[in-house]
Amino acid sequence: MGDFSSPQPPQSTSFLMASNNCDDPTQDGDKKDNTFLYLSYIDEMEDRVQALRRNASSLAEERDSLLAILSDMKTDCLKETWTEDATQELHSSIDQLRARCQSVQINIRVIRTAEQQSSFTKVDSLVTGLEHQCALGDPEEQGYRKKAESFLNACVSDQVKPGLIDYKFQGMILGCKLEDQKEFRQRLECLVQGRCHMNFLDGMMQQFNIVSSLTSSDCDVISENNQGPNTEVPVESTVVSS
């Protein structure tokens, strides 16, 4: 037997060889060793996959944090009494940084059971409704913020404000996966502060760009149809003799 004190990840060929050896009754000892070896590989790969997802999640949070800071910086610039040229230069730099940051796309798909998916859909619908009110500038601003506070208090142990807990919402969010619960908390925290989460704003911007593109295409088609085929009538020249 070889030395398995520091095993390397198995190649596909070695995996097939190990499987073939398992069919030989004279290889009982090797079969047990191979099973233990591959189980240790699986445990190691599970840890690495989990680490990969954690790192990707951390990168997504860092991206959202940077976008939020840039957004606040742009808002603060409007409050300053700088010259027009200086303000435009700052806005241009901030917009460039936002574009570069938004170009980083991190997609982490959450695997849910049917029950978890049902709970996620219900909670997402409620939170998205509050985000729409926030984005559209709800005249009754305190309305959606108070609702967001009651939702957030249902998610955390330390209440934002005593007494505001939506227990119906609490029952729904407890049916979600921990990853989803964390994301909902972040979205609600933004709403309590009077702003939308960057993922929601990115989604709205993408929808706006798609609609704008489709509208532009439709206008081009209508313009072409209105012009119709080329029906120029030849002009006959008449010579008048004196």
Protein backbone atom coordinates (compact mmCIF):
# COMPACT_ATOMS: atom_id res chain seq x y z
CA MET A 1 0.00 0.00 0.00
CA GLY A 2 1.17 3.53 -0.72
CA ASP A 3 1.66 6.30 1.75
CA PHE A 4 -1.66 8.15 2.28
CA SER A 5 -0.43 10.47 5.03
CA SER A 6 -0.82 13.51 2.73
CA PRO A 7 -3.22 12.45 -0.07
CA GLN A 8 -3.65 14.48 -3.24
CA PRO A 9 -7.05 14.98 -4.94
CA PRO A 10 -7.76 11.90 -7.06
CA GLN A 11 -7.72 12.01 -10.84
CA SER A 12 -10.51 10.46 -12.90
CA THR A 13 -8.25 7.58 -13.99
CA SER A 14 -7.25 6.69 -10.44
CA PHE A 15 -10.91 6.81 -9.43
CA LEU A 16 -11.75 4.24 -12.11
CA MET A 17 -8.85 2.05 -11.06
CA ALA A 18 -10.07 2.15 -7.46
CA SER A 19 -13.58 1.23 -8.59
CA ASN A 20 -12.30 -1.69 -10.65
CA ASN A 21 -10.28 -2.98 -7.72
CA CYS A 22 -13.45 -3.10 -5.64
CA ASP A 23 -14.81 -5.82 -7.93
CA ASP A 24 -11.88 -8.14 -7.10
CA PRO A 25 -12.66 -10.25 -3.99
CA THR A 26 -8.93 -10.50 -3.30
CA GLN A 27 -8.78 -6.71 -2.81
CA ASP A 28 -10.94 -6.42 0.32
CA GLY A 29 -8.25 -4.54 2.23
CA ASP A 30 -7.63 -2.13 -0.65
CA LYS A 31 -11.38 -1.58 -1.01
CA LYS A 32 -11.70 -0.46 2.59
CA ASP A 33 -8.66 1.79 2.28
CA ASN A 34 -9.97 3.33 -0.95
CA THR A 35 -13.37 3.97 0.63
CA PHE A 36 -11.80 5.71 3.60
CA LEU A 37 -9.51 7.69 1.30
CA TYR A 38 -12.33 8.92 -0.92
CA LEU A 39 -14.52 9.78 2.05
CA SER A 40 -11.70 11.96 3.35
CA TYR A 41 -11.46 13.61 -0.09
CA ILE A 42 -15.22 14.29 -0.04
CA ASP A 43 -15.00 15.86 3.42
CA GLU A 44 -12.15 18.06 2.25
CA MET A 45 -14.00 19.13 -0.90
CA GLU A 46 -17.13 19.91 1.13
CA ASP A 47 -15.09 22.27 3.32
CA ARG A 48 -13.61 23.95 0.24
CA VAL A 49 -17.01 24.37 -1.40
CA GLN A 50 -18.40 25.95 1.76
CA ALA A 51 -15.37 28.24 1.95
CA LEU A 52 -15.91 29.22 -1.69
CA ARG A 53 -19.53 30.19 -1.01
CA ARG A 54 -18.56 32.15 2.11
CA ASN A 55 -15.86 34.04 0.20
CA ALA A 56 -18.25 34.81 -2.66
CA SER A 57 -20.84 36.04 -0.18
CA SER A 58 -18.26 38.29 1.48
CA LEU A 59 -17.29 39.72 -1.91
CA ALA A 60 -20.95 40.42 -2.71
CA GLU A 61 -21.36 42.25 0.61
CA GLU A 62 -18.19 44.26 -0.04
CA ARG A 63 -19.49 45.24 -3.48
CA ASP A 64 -22.83 46.37 -2.03
CA SER A 65 -21.05 48.32 0.69
CA LEU A 66 -18.86 50.14 -1.84
CA LEU A 67 -21.88 51.02 -3.99
CA ALA A 68 -23.75 52.36 -0.96
CA ILE A 69 -20.78 54.51 0.06
CA LEU A 70 -20.42 55.91 -3.47
CA SER A 71 -24.13 56.68 -3.55
CA ASP A 72 -23.90 58.56 -0.24
CA MET A 73 -20.84 60.45 -1.49
CA LYS A 74 -22.72 61.62 -4.56
CA THR A 75 -25.64 62.76 -2.40
CA ASP A 76 -23.31 64.65 -0.08
CA CYS A 77 -21.70 66.41 -3.06
CA LEU A 78 -25.05 68.02 -3.87
CA LYS A 79 -25.10 69.62 -0.41
CA GLU A 80 -21.72 71.29 -0.84
CA THR A 81 -21.24 74.76 -2.34
CA TRP A 82 -18.48 73.92 -4.78
CA THR A 83 -18.02 75.37 -8.23
CA GLU A 84 -19.97 73.77 -11.06
CA ASP A 85 -16.79 72.41 -12.67
CA ALA A 86 -15.61 70.84 -9.41
CA THR A 87 -19.01 69.27 -8.79
CA GLN A 88 -19.17 67.81 -12.30
CA GLU A 89 -15.66 66.41 -11.96
CA LEU A 90 -16.52 64.72 -8.66
CA HIS A 91 -19.78 63.31 -10.03
CA SER A 92 -17.97 62.00 -13.09
CA SER A 93 -15.35 60.25 -10.94
CA ILE A 94 -18.01 58.73 -8.68
CA ASP A 95 -20.06 57.53 -11.67
CA GLN A 96 -16.97 55.90 -13.18
CA LEU A 97 -16.23 54.08 -9.92
CA ARG A 98 -19.87 52.96 -9.63
CA ALA A 99 -19.79 51.60 -13.18
CA ARG A 100 -16.59 49.65 -12.49
CA CYS A 101 -18.02 48.29 -9.23
CA GLN A 102 -21.33 47.33 -10.87
CA SER A 103 -19.43 45.44 -13.57
CA VAL A 104 -18.51 42.88 -10.88
CA GLN A 105 -21.36 40.37 -10.94
CA ILE A 106 -21.50 37.75 -8.17
CA ASN A 107 -24.33 35.22 -8.37
CA ILE A 108 -24.77 32.78 -5.48
CA ARG A 109 -27.74 30.48 -6.07
CA VAL A 110 -29.44 29.26 -2.91
CA ILE A 111 -30.69 25.67 -3.06
CA ARG A 112 -34.07 25.47 -1.31
CA THR A 113 -36.65 22.82 -0.52
CA ALA A 114 -40.23 23.32 -1.72
CA GLU A 115 -41.26 24.63 1.72
CA GLN A 116 -38.29 27.00 1.88
CA GLN A 117 -39.04 28.28 -1.62
CA SER A 118 -42.65 28.95 -0.64
CA SER A 119 -41.57 30.93 2.44
CA PHE A 120 -38.95 32.81 0.42
CA THR A 121 -41.50 33.84 -2.22
CA LYS A 122 -43.92 35.22 0.39
CA VAL A 123 -41.25 37.17 2.31
CA ASP A 124 -39.61 38.47 -0.87
CA SER A 125 -42.97 39.78 -2.11
CA LEU A 126 -43.55 41.74 1.10
CA VAL A 127 -40.04 43.23 1.25
CA THR A 128 -40.05 44.09 -2.47
CA GLY A 129 -43.33 45.93 -2.00
CA LEU A 130 -41.72 48.13 0.66
CA GLU A 131 -38.70 48.72 -1.59
CA HIS A 132 -40.97 49.93 -4.38
CA GLN A 133 -42.61 52.39 -1.99
CA CYS A 134 -39.18 53.63 -0.93
CA ALA A 135 -37.86 53.93 -4.51
CA LEU A 136 -40.95 55.75 -5.77
CA GLY A 137 -40.84 58.29 -2.95
CA ASP A 138 -43.88 57.29 -0.91
CA PRO A 139 -45.46 60.51 0.42
CA GLU A 140 -46.25 58.66 3.64
CA GLU A 141 -42.59 57.80 4.21
CA GLN A 142 -43.08 56.79 7.83
CA GLY A 143 -45.57 54.15 6.70
CA TYR A 144 -43.14 51.84 4.92
CA ARG A 145 -40.34 52.56 7.40
CA LYS A 146 -42.50 51.55 10.36
CA LYS A 147 -43.51 48.40 8.51
CA ALA A 148 -39.86 47.67 7.76
CA GLU A 149 -39.04 48.14 11.46
CA SER A 150 -41.70 45.63 12.48
CA PHE A 151 -40.36 43.15 9.90
CA LEU A 152 -36.76 43.70 11.01
CA ASN A 153 -37.66 43.23 14.67
CA ALA A 154 -39.14 39.88 13.69
CA CYS A 155 -35.75 38.84 12.29
CA VAL A 156 -33.35 39.92 15.03
CA SER A 157 -33.00 39.35 18.75
CA ASP A 158 -32.26 43.04 19.48
CA GLN A 159 -35.30 45.04 18.44
CA VAL A 160 -34.88 48.26 16.50
CA LYS A 161 -37.72 49.81 18.51
CA PRO A 162 -39.56 48.05 21.34
CA GLY A 163 -43.07 46.87 20.62
CA LEU A 164 -42.91 46.80 16.81
CA ILE A 165 -42.90 43.10 15.85
CA ASP A 166 -44.82 41.51 13.00
CA TYR A 167 -45.33 37.97 14.27
CA LYS A 168 -46.96 36.80 11.04
CA PHE A 169 -43.86 37.90 9.14
CA GLN A 170 -41.71 36.21 11.78
CA GLY A 171 -43.43 32.88 11.13
CA MET A 172 -42.80 33.22 7.39
CA ILE A 173 -39.14 34.20 7.60
CA LEU A 174 -38.35 31.38 10.03
CA GLY A 175 -39.30 29.03 7.20
CA CYS A 176 -36.53 30.50 5.00
CA LYS A 177 -32.95 29.29 4.77
CA LEU A 178 -30.39 31.09 6.93
CA GLU A 179 -28.77 32.58 3.82
CA ASP A 180 -32.10 34.07 2.75
CA GLN A 181 -32.82 35.33 6.26
CA LYS A 182 -29.51 37.19 6.27
CA GLU A 183 -30.25 38.82 2.91
CA PHE A 184 -33.74 39.89 4.02
CA ARG A 185 -32.29 41.44 7.18
CA GLN A 186 -29.86 43.49 5.10
CA ARG A 187 -32.65 44.69 2.82
CA LEU A 188 -34.84 45.64 5.78
CA GLU A 189 -31.98 47.47 7.50
CA CYS A 190 -31.62 49.63 4.39
CA LEU A 191 -35.36 50.35 4.35
CA VAL A 192 -35.33 51.39 8.01
CA GLN A 193 -32.61 53.89 7.05
CA GLY A 194 -34.83 55.23 4.27
CA ARG A 195 -33.04 53.70 1.27
CA CYS A 196 -33.17 50.60 -0.93
CA HIS A 197 -30.62 47.81 -1.02
CA MET A 198 -28.20 48.05 -3.93
CA ASN A 199 -29.36 44.72 -5.41
CA PHE A 200 -32.89 46.10 -5.73
CA LEU A 201 -31.63 49.28 -7.38
CA ASP A 202 -29.47 47.28 -9.78
CA GLY A 203 -32.51 45.17 -10.71
CA MET A 204 -34.62 48.26 -11.37
CA MET A 205 -31.87 49.76 -13.50
CA GLN A 206 -31.58 46.59 -15.57
CA GLN A 207 -35.35 46.54 -16.12
CA PHE A 208 -35.26 50.22 -17.12
CA ASN A 209 -32.47 49.55 -19.64
CA ILE A 210 -34.39 46.62 -21.14
CA VAL A 211 -37.60 48.65 -21.48
CA SER A 212 -35.68 51.58 -22.98
CA SER A 213 -34.04 49.27 -25.50
CA LEU A 214 -37.36 47.69 -26.51
CA THR A 215 -39.06 51.10 -26.78
CA SER A 216 -36.26 52.41 -28.97
CA SER A 217 -36.54 49.37 -31.26
CA ASP A 218 -40.33 49.79 -31.55
CA CYS A 219 -39.92 53.47 -32.45
CA ASP A 220 -37.44 52.56 -35.20
CA VAL A 221 -39.90 50.02 -36.65
CA ILE A 222 -42.79 52.52 -36.55
CA SER A 223 -40.63 55.15 -38.22
CA GLU A 224 -39.73 52.75 -41.02
CA ASN A 225 -43.38 51.72 -41.51
CA ASN A 226 -44.53 55.34 -41.70
CA GLN A 227 -42.05 56.09 -44.41
CA GLY A 228 -43.46 53.28 -46.52
CA PRO A 229 -41.96 52.12 -49.82
CA ASN A 230 -40.20 54.46 -52.14
CA THR A 231 -42.95 55.81 -54.45
CA GLU A 232 -41.22 58.67 -56.16
CA VAL A 233 -43.10 59.93 -59.24
CA PRO A 234 -40.87 60.80 -62.14
CA VAL A 235 -41.11 64.43 -63.22
CA GLU A 236 -41.51 65.03 -66.89
CA SER A 237 -39.72 68.06 -68.27
CA THR A 238 -41.64 70.18 -70.74
CA VAL A 239 -39.81 72.28 -73.29
CA VAL A 240 -41.67 75.42 -74.36
CA SER A 241 -40.62 76.73 -77.73
CA SER A 242 -40.79 80.41 -78.26
